[in-house]
Amino acid sequence: IFLRSTVCSPPFSSHIVKMSDPKAIAQKFCHAYFGVMQTDRSKVGTFYRENSKMTFMGKEFTGVSAIVQRLTQLGSTTGTPAQVKYQITKCDVQVSKAPNSLVLLLVGQLSIDGAPPIRWVQFAHLTTDDGAQWYLFNDIFRLLLD
């Protein structure tokens, strides 16, 4: 799995999944990332670094703590994190010109506390500094409310 935590499986690496198989990297990323987003968003920081940026509905956040703070508040109207279920309907993947990087465009639906689904789109720039641990360098997420 993609997480780098002592309580989780080790991150997937380029030794296991080569850059020649970007779809497999994207699939493993989506499985791990959205698994955490659905079960314990407080742990989503394992997918980011201090130089990571996330734009959520037009507002930019930089660094692990700012990103985690925003994502743990997703859907909350009471201060208690809402239960969010994700469904990915499309995933497009390309190898980036930047070394050891992939870009993903994800389209899907999410449901907050069992409410009717809301469509969303996410651009994700995955990279690795050491060839082993992949992380989100850029993340742009938007709910399609219009």
N, C-alpha and C. Protein backbone atom coordinates (compact mmCIF):
# COMPACT_ATOMS: atom_id res chain seq x y z
N ILE A 1 0.86 -1.18 0.00
CA ILE A 1 0.00 0.00 0.00
C ILE A 1 0.89 1.23 0.00
N PHE A 2 0.31 2.39 -0.23
CA PHE A 2 1.00 3.64 -0.48
C PHE A 2 1.43 4.37 0.79
N LEU A 3 0.91 4.01 1.93
CA LEU A 3 1.16 4.76 3.15
C LEU A 3 2.57 4.52 3.67
N ARG A 4 3.14 5.51 4.33
CA ARG A 4 4.44 5.34 4.97
C ARG A 4 4.26 5.55 6.46
N SER A 5 3.81 4.53 7.10
CA SER A 5 3.51 4.58 8.51
C SER A 5 3.88 3.24 9.12
N THR A 6 4.25 3.24 10.39
CA THR A 6 4.64 1.99 11.03
C THR A 6 3.47 1.05 11.22
N VAL A 7 2.25 1.57 11.20
CA VAL A 7 1.09 0.70 11.40
C VAL A 7 0.48 0.23 10.09
N CYS A 8 1.00 0.72 8.98
CA CYS A 8 0.46 0.36 7.68
C CYS A 8 1.52 -0.39 6.88
N SER A 9 1.09 -0.98 5.79
CA SER A 9 2.03 -1.63 4.90
C SER A 9 3.00 -0.60 4.34
N PRO A 10 4.20 -1.03 3.93
CA PRO A 10 5.15 -0.08 3.37
C PRO A 10 4.62 0.51 2.07
N PRO A 11 5.11 1.68 1.66
CA PRO A 11 4.64 2.29 0.43
C PRO A 11 5.00 1.43 -0.76
N PHE A 12 4.19 1.51 -1.83
CA PHE A 12 4.59 0.80 -3.03
C PHE A 12 5.77 1.55 -3.63
N SER A 13 6.60 0.87 -4.36
CA SER A 13 7.82 1.50 -4.85
C SER A 13 8.00 1.24 -6.32
N SER A 14 8.91 2.01 -6.90
CA SER A 14 9.23 1.83 -8.31
C SER A 14 9.95 0.51 -8.53
N HIS A 15 10.44 -0.12 -7.46
CA HIS A 15 11.04 -1.44 -7.59
C HIS A 15 9.97 -2.49 -7.82
N ILE A 16 8.77 -2.26 -7.31
CA ILE A 16 7.66 -3.20 -7.47
C ILE A 16 6.85 -2.83 -8.71
N VAL A 17 6.55 -1.55 -8.86
CA VAL A 17 5.75 -1.06 -9.98
C VAL A 17 6.61 -0.08 -10.76
N LYS A 18 7.05 -0.47 -11.93
CA LYS A 18 7.93 0.37 -12.74
C LYS A 18 7.15 1.52 -13.38
N MET A 19 7.87 2.61 -13.70
CA MET A 19 7.24 3.74 -14.40
C MET A 19 6.66 3.29 -15.73
N SER A 20 7.10 2.15 -16.26
CA SER A 20 6.53 1.65 -17.51
C SER A 20 5.09 1.17 -17.32
N ASP A 21 4.62 1.16 -16.08
CA ASP A 21 3.25 0.75 -15.80
C ASP A 21 2.52 1.84 -14.99
N PRO A 22 2.36 3.03 -15.59
CA PRO A 22 1.73 4.13 -14.85
C PRO A 22 0.30 3.84 -14.41
N LYS A 23 -0.43 3.04 -15.16
CA LYS A 23 -1.81 2.72 -14.75
C LYS A 23 -1.82 1.92 -13.46
N ALA A 24 -0.84 1.04 -13.29
CA ALA A 24 -0.77 0.26 -12.04
C ALA A 24 -0.43 1.16 -10.86
N ILE A 25 0.46 2.13 -11.06
CA ILE A 25 0.79 3.09 -10.01
C ILE A 25 -0.46 3.89 -9.64
N ALA A 26 -1.17 4.37 -10.66
CA ALA A 26 -2.40 5.16 -10.41
C ALA A 26 -3.44 4.32 -9.68
N GLN A 27 -3.60 3.08 -10.07
CA GLN A 27 -4.58 2.21 -9.42
C GLN A 27 -4.21 1.99 -7.95
N LYS A 28 -2.95 1.72 -7.66
CA LYS A 28 -2.51 1.53 -6.28
C LYS A 28 -2.69 2.81 -5.47
N PHE A 29 -2.35 3.95 -6.08
CA PHE A 29 -2.54 5.23 -5.41
C PHE A 29 -4.00 5.44 -5.05
N CYS A 30 -4.89 5.28 -6.03
CA CYS A 30 -6.31 5.53 -5.79
C CYS A 30 -6.86 4.61 -4.71
N HIS A 31 -6.48 3.35 -4.76
CA HIS A 31 -6.94 2.40 -3.75
C HIS A 31 -6.50 2.84 -2.34
N ALA A 32 -5.24 3.20 -2.21
CA ALA A 32 -4.72 3.58 -0.89
C ALA A 32 -5.26 4.94 -0.44
N TYR A 33 -5.19 5.95 -1.30
CA TYR A 33 -5.59 7.31 -0.94
C TYR A 33 -7.08 7.37 -0.57
N PHE A 34 -7.93 6.85 -1.44
CA PHE A 34 -9.36 6.94 -1.17
C PHE A 34 -9.79 5.99 -0.06
N GLY A 35 -9.02 4.93 0.16
CA GLY A 35 -9.27 4.09 1.33
C GLY A 35 -9.09 4.87 2.61
N VAL A 36 -8.01 5.65 2.70
CA VAL A 36 -7.77 6.50 3.88
C VAL A 36 -8.80 7.62 3.95
N MET A 37 -9.13 8.22 2.82
CA MET A 37 -10.12 9.30 2.82
C MET A 37 -11.48 8.82 3.32
N GLN A 38 -11.79 7.55 3.13
CA GLN A 38 -13.08 7.02 3.58
C GLN A 38 -13.06 6.49 5.00
N THR A 39 -11.87 6.15 5.52
CA THR A 39 -11.82 5.53 6.84
C THR A 39 -11.24 6.41 7.93
N ASP A 40 -10.18 7.18 7.63
CA ASP A 40 -9.55 8.01 8.66
C ASP A 40 -8.75 9.14 8.00
N ARG A 41 -9.45 10.22 7.64
CA ARG A 41 -8.81 11.33 6.93
C ARG A 41 -7.68 11.97 7.72
N SER A 42 -7.62 11.76 9.04
CA SER A 42 -6.52 12.34 9.82
C SER A 42 -5.17 11.75 9.41
N LYS A 43 -5.19 10.62 8.72
CA LYS A 43 -3.95 9.96 8.27
C LYS A 43 -3.58 10.29 6.83
N VAL A 44 -4.34 11.16 6.19
CA VAL A 44 -4.09 11.47 4.78
C VAL A 44 -2.77 12.23 4.57
N GLY A 45 -2.20 12.77 5.62
CA GLY A 45 -0.92 13.47 5.52
C GLY A 45 0.21 12.60 5.01
N THR A 46 0.07 11.28 5.12
CA THR A 46 1.12 10.39 4.63
C THR A 46 1.25 10.45 3.11
N PHE A 47 0.29 11.04 2.43
CA PHE A 47 0.32 11.15 0.98
C PHE A 47 0.90 12.49 0.49
N TYR A 48 1.29 13.36 1.41
CA TYR A 48 1.77 14.70 1.09
C TYR A 48 3.12 14.94 1.74
N ARG A 49 3.81 16.02 1.31
CA ARG A 49 5.06 16.48 1.93
C ARG A 49 4.90 17.97 2.24
N GLU A 50 5.86 18.53 2.94
CA GLU A 50 5.78 19.95 3.31
C GLU A 50 5.76 20.87 2.09
N ASN A 51 6.31 20.41 0.95
CA ASN A 51 6.29 21.24 -0.25
C ASN A 51 5.06 20.97 -1.13
N SER A 52 4.15 20.12 -0.67
CA SER A 52 2.94 19.81 -1.43
C SER A 52 1.96 20.98 -1.39
N LYS A 53 1.20 21.10 -2.48
CA LYS A 53 0.14 22.11 -2.55
C LYS A 53 -1.15 21.43 -2.95
N MET A 54 -2.23 21.88 -2.34
CA MET A 54 -3.55 21.41 -2.69
C MET A 54 -4.45 22.62 -2.90
N THR A 55 -5.19 22.61 -3.98
CA THR A 55 -6.23 23.60 -4.20
C THR A 55 -7.55 22.87 -4.07
N PHE A 56 -8.36 23.30 -3.10
CA PHE A 56 -9.66 22.68 -2.83
C PHE A 56 -10.72 23.74 -3.06
N MET A 57 -11.53 23.54 -4.09
CA MET A 57 -12.61 24.47 -4.43
C MET A 57 -12.09 25.90 -4.57
N GLY A 58 -10.90 26.04 -5.20
CA GLY A 58 -10.34 27.35 -5.48
C GLY A 58 -9.47 27.94 -4.39
N LYS A 59 -9.39 27.30 -3.23
CA LYS A 59 -8.58 27.82 -2.13
C LYS A 59 -7.33 26.95 -1.98
N GLU A 60 -6.16 27.60 -1.91
CA GLU A 60 -4.88 26.88 -1.89
C GLU A 60 -4.40 26.63 -0.46
N PHE A 61 -3.85 25.42 -0.26
CA PHE A 61 -3.26 25.01 1.01
C PHE A 61 -1.88 24.46 0.72
N THR A 62 -0.91 24.81 1.57
CA THR A 62 0.47 24.36 1.39
C THR A 62 0.94 23.63 2.63
N GLY A 63 1.57 22.48 2.43
CA GLY A 63 2.13 21.72 3.54
C GLY A 63 1.17 20.72 4.14
N VAL A 64 1.74 19.73 4.80
CA VAL A 64 0.96 18.61 5.32
C VAL A 64 -0.13 19.05 6.29
N SER A 65 0.21 19.85 7.30
CA SER A 65 -0.77 20.18 8.33
C SER A 65 -1.95 20.98 7.77
N ALA A 66 -1.70 21.93 6.88
CA ALA A 66 -2.79 22.72 6.29
C ALA A 66 -3.70 21.84 5.43
N ILE A 67 -3.09 20.94 4.67
CA ILE A 67 -3.89 20.05 3.82
C ILE A 67 -4.72 19.09 4.66
N VAL A 68 -4.10 18.48 5.66
CA VAL A 68 -4.83 17.54 6.52
C VAL A 68 -5.96 18.26 7.25
N GLN A 69 -5.70 19.46 7.74
CA GLN A 69 -6.75 20.21 8.44
C GLN A 69 -7.95 20.42 7.52
N ARG A 70 -7.70 20.81 6.27
CA ARG A 70 -8.81 21.04 5.34
C ARG A 70 -9.55 19.75 5.04
N LEU A 71 -8.83 18.67 4.78
CA LEU A 71 -9.49 17.42 4.40
C LEU A 71 -10.23 16.77 5.55
N THR A 72 -9.78 16.96 6.77
CA THR A 72 -10.51 16.38 7.91
C THR A 72 -11.81 17.12 8.18
N GLN A 73 -11.93 18.34 7.69
CA GLN A 73 -13.17 19.12 7.86
C GLN A 73 -14.18 18.88 6.76
N LEU A 74 -13.82 18.07 5.78
CA LEU A 74 -14.67 17.84 4.62
C LEU A 74 -16.06 17.36 5.02
N GLY A 75 -17.07 18.12 4.64
CA GLY A 75 -18.45 17.73 4.87
C GLY A 75 -18.96 17.96 6.27
N SER A 76 -18.11 18.41 7.17
CA SER A 76 -18.51 18.56 8.56
C SER A 76 -19.33 19.82 8.77
N THR A 77 -20.47 19.66 9.40
CA THR A 77 -21.28 20.83 9.78
C THR A 77 -21.37 20.92 11.30
N THR A 78 -20.89 19.89 11.99
CA THR A 78 -21.00 19.84 13.44
C THR A 78 -19.65 19.87 14.14
N GLY A 79 -18.57 19.86 13.38
CA GLY A 79 -17.24 19.75 13.98
C GLY A 79 -16.76 18.32 14.05
N THR A 80 -17.67 17.37 13.88
CA THR A 80 -17.31 15.96 13.82
C THR A 80 -17.12 15.58 12.36
N PRO A 81 -16.01 14.91 12.02
CA PRO A 81 -15.80 14.56 10.61
C PRO A 81 -16.96 13.75 10.04
N ALA A 82 -17.40 14.13 8.87
CA ALA A 82 -18.48 13.43 8.19
C ALA A 82 -17.95 12.14 7.58
N GLN A 83 -18.85 11.18 7.37
CA GLN A 83 -18.48 9.97 6.66
C GLN A 83 -18.64 10.24 5.17
N VAL A 84 -17.54 10.09 4.43
CA VAL A 84 -17.54 10.37 3.00
C VAL A 84 -17.20 9.09 2.25
N LYS A 85 -18.03 8.76 1.27
CA LYS A 85 -17.80 7.59 0.40
C LYS A 85 -17.49 8.09 -1.00
N TYR A 86 -16.41 7.57 -1.57
CA TYR A 86 -15.96 7.97 -2.90
C TYR A 86 -16.19 6.86 -3.90
N GLN A 87 -16.51 7.27 -5.14
CA GLN A 87 -16.56 6.35 -6.26
C GLN A 87 -15.83 7.02 -7.42
N ILE A 88 -14.81 6.38 -7.94
CA ILE A 88 -14.08 6.91 -9.09
C ILE A 88 -14.71 6.32 -10.34
N THR A 89 -15.13 7.20 -11.27
CA THR A 89 -15.74 6.72 -12.50
C THR A 89 -14.79 6.80 -13.68
N LYS A 90 -13.80 7.66 -13.65
CA LYS A 90 -12.80 7.80 -14.72
C LYS A 90 -11.45 8.10 -14.10
N CYS A 91 -10.40 7.52 -14.68
CA CYS A 91 -9.03 7.80 -14.25
C CYS A 91 -8.14 7.84 -15.48
N ASP A 92 -7.65 9.02 -15.83
CA ASP A 92 -6.71 9.18 -16.94
C ASP A 92 -5.32 9.41 -16.35
N VAL A 93 -4.31 8.78 -16.93
CA VAL A 93 -2.95 8.82 -16.40
C VAL A 93 -1.97 9.14 -17.52
N GLN A 94 -1.00 10.00 -17.22
CA GLN A 94 0.10 10.28 -18.14
C GLN A 94 1.41 10.35 -17.37
N VAL A 95 2.49 9.91 -18.02
CA VAL A 95 3.82 10.12 -17.46
C VAL A 95 4.15 11.59 -17.69
N SER A 96 4.65 12.27 -16.67
CA SER A 96 4.99 13.69 -16.75
C SER A 96 6.39 13.87 -17.30
N LYS A 97 6.65 15.06 -17.82
CA LYS A 97 8.02 15.41 -18.26
C LYS A 97 8.95 15.51 -17.06
N ALA A 98 8.41 15.92 -15.91
CA ALA A 98 9.21 15.99 -14.69
C ALA A 98 9.69 14.58 -14.35
N PRO A 99 10.92 14.43 -13.91
CA PRO A 99 11.43 13.08 -13.60
C PRO A 99 10.61 12.38 -12.52
N ASN A 100 10.39 11.09 -12.70
CA ASN A 100 9.69 10.26 -11.71
C ASN A 100 8.35 10.84 -11.29
N SER A 101 7.55 11.27 -12.26
CA SER A 101 6.27 11.90 -11.96
C SER A 101 5.18 11.39 -12.89
N LEU A 102 3.98 11.34 -12.35
CA LEU A 102 2.78 11.01 -13.10
C LEU A 102 1.73 12.08 -12.84
N VAL A 103 0.86 12.29 -13.81
CA VAL A 103 -0.31 13.15 -13.59
C VAL A 103 -1.56 12.30 -13.80
N LEU A 104 -2.53 12.52 -12.94
CA LEU A 104 -3.80 11.79 -12.99
C LEU A 104 -4.93 12.79 -13.06
N LEU A 105 -5.94 12.48 -13.82
CA LEU A 105 -7.19 13.22 -13.81
C LEU A 105 -8.27 12.22 -13.41
N LEU A 106 -8.87 12.48 -12.27
CA LEU A 106 -9.88 11.59 -11.71
C LEU A 106 -11.24 12.27 -11.75
N VAL A 107 -12.26 11.51 -12.08
CA VAL A 107 -13.64 12.00 -12.07
C VAL A 107 -14.45 10.98 -11.28
N GLY A 108 -15.34 11.48 -10.44
CA GLY A 108 -16.12 10.55 -9.65
C GLY A 108 -17.30 11.19 -8.97
N GLN A 109 -17.81 10.46 -7.98
CA GLN A 109 -18.92 10.92 -7.15
C GLN A 109 -18.56 10.66 -5.70
N LEU A 110 -19.08 11.50 -4.83
CA LEU A 110 -18.93 11.25 -3.40
C LEU A 110 -20.25 11.48 -2.72
N SER A 111 -20.41 10.80 -1.61
CA SER A 111 -21.62 10.94 -0.81
C SER A 111 -21.19 11.26 0.62
N ILE A 112 -21.77 12.31 1.19
CA ILE A 112 -21.44 12.74 2.55
C ILE A 112 -22.58 12.34 3.48
N ASP A 113 -22.25 11.52 4.46
CA ASP A 113 -23.24 11.03 5.44
C ASP A 113 -24.49 10.46 4.77
N GLY A 114 -24.29 9.73 3.67
CA GLY A 114 -25.40 9.06 3.00
C GLY A 114 -26.26 9.96 2.13
N ALA A 115 -25.90 11.23 1.99
CA ALA A 115 -26.68 12.15 1.15
C ALA A 115 -26.53 11.77 -0.32
N PRO A 116 -27.37 12.33 -1.19
CA PRO A 116 -27.24 12.05 -2.63
C PRO A 116 -25.83 12.39 -3.12
N PRO A 117 -25.33 11.64 -4.11
CA PRO A 117 -23.96 11.83 -4.58
C PRO A 117 -23.74 13.20 -5.23
N ILE A 118 -22.50 13.67 -5.09
CA ILE A 118 -22.04 14.92 -5.70
C ILE A 118 -20.89 14.55 -6.63
N ARG A 119 -20.91 15.06 -7.85
CA ARG A 119 -19.82 14.81 -8.79
C ARG A 119 -18.60 15.62 -8.40
N TRP A 120 -17.40 15.10 -8.71
CA TRP A 120 -16.15 15.79 -8.41
C TRP A 120 -15.11 15.46 -9.48
N VAL A 121 -14.09 16.31 -9.53
CA VAL A 121 -12.94 16.09 -10.41
C VAL A 121 -11.69 16.41 -9.61
N GLN A 122 -10.61 15.66 -9.86
CA GLN A 122 -9.35 15.87 -9.14
C GLN A 122 -8.18 15.69 -10.11
N PHE A 123 -7.27 16.65 -10.09
CA PHE A 123 -5.99 16.53 -10.78
C PHE A 123 -4.95 16.21 -9.73
N ALA A 124 -4.16 15.17 -9.96
CA ALA A 124 -3.13 14.77 -9.00
C ALA A 124 -1.80 14.63 -9.72
N HIS A 125 -0.78 15.29 -9.17
CA HIS A 125 0.59 15.16 -9.67
C HIS A 125 1.36 14.32 -8.65
N LEU A 126 1.62 13.07 -8.98
CA LEU A 126 2.36 12.15 -8.11
C LEU A 126 3.83 12.19 -8.46
N THR A 127 4.67 12.18 -7.45
CA THR A 127 6.11 12.15 -7.70
C THR A 127 6.80 11.37 -6.58
N THR A 128 8.08 11.11 -6.79
CA THR A 128 8.89 10.44 -5.79
C THR A 128 10.27 11.08 -5.77
N ASP A 129 10.81 11.27 -4.59
CA ASP A 129 12.15 11.83 -4.46
C ASP A 129 13.21 10.75 -4.43
N ASP A 130 12.82 9.57 -3.97
CA ASP A 130 13.81 8.50 -3.75
C ASP A 130 13.57 7.27 -4.60
N GLY A 131 12.59 7.32 -5.48
CA GLY A 131 12.28 6.17 -6.31
C GLY A 131 11.45 5.12 -5.60
N ALA A 132 11.10 5.36 -4.34
CA ALA A 132 10.36 4.36 -3.58
C ALA A 132 9.04 4.88 -3.06
N GLN A 133 9.04 6.03 -2.40
CA GLN A 133 7.81 6.55 -1.79
C GLN A 133 7.20 7.63 -2.68
N TRP A 134 6.00 7.34 -3.17
CA TRP A 134 5.26 8.28 -4.01
C TRP A 134 4.41 9.19 -3.14
N TYR A 135 4.27 10.45 -3.56
CA TYR A 135 3.44 11.38 -2.81
C TYR A 135 2.81 12.39 -3.77
N LEU A 136 1.80 13.09 -3.27
CA LEU A 136 1.13 14.13 -4.03
C LEU A 136 1.90 15.44 -3.90
N PHE A 137 2.45 15.90 -5.00
CA PHE A 137 3.12 17.19 -5.01
C PHE A 137 2.10 18.30 -5.28
N ASN A 138 1.23 18.08 -6.25
CA ASN A 138 0.14 19.01 -6.56
C ASN A 138 -1.17 18.23 -6.54
N ASP A 139 -2.19 18.84 -5.98
CA ASP A 139 -3.50 18.21 -5.86
C ASP A 139 -4.55 19.31 -6.04
N ILE A 140 -5.38 19.16 -7.06
CA ILE A 140 -6.45 20.13 -7.30
C ILE A 140 -7.76 19.37 -7.31
N PHE A 141 -8.66 19.76 -6.41
CA PHE A 141 -9.93 19.05 -6.23
C PHE A 141 -11.08 20.06 -6.31
N ARG A 142 -12.12 19.66 -7.04
CA ARG A 142 -13.30 20.52 -7.14
C ARG A 142 -14.57 19.68 -7.19
N LEU A 143 -15.52 20.05 -6.35
CA LEU A 143 -16.87 19.50 -6.43
C LEU A 143 -17.57 20.16 -7.60
N LEU A 144 -18.31 19.39 -8.38
CA LEU A 144 -19.01 19.93 -9.56
C LEU A 144 -20.45 20.21 -9.15
N LEU A 145 -20.64 21.36 -8.55
CA LEU A 145 -21.93 21.72 -7.98
C LEU A 145 -22.86 22.46 -8.95
N ASP A 146 -22.32 22.90 -10.06
CA ASP A 146 -23.13 23.68 -11.01
C ASP A 146 -23.99 22.81 -11.87
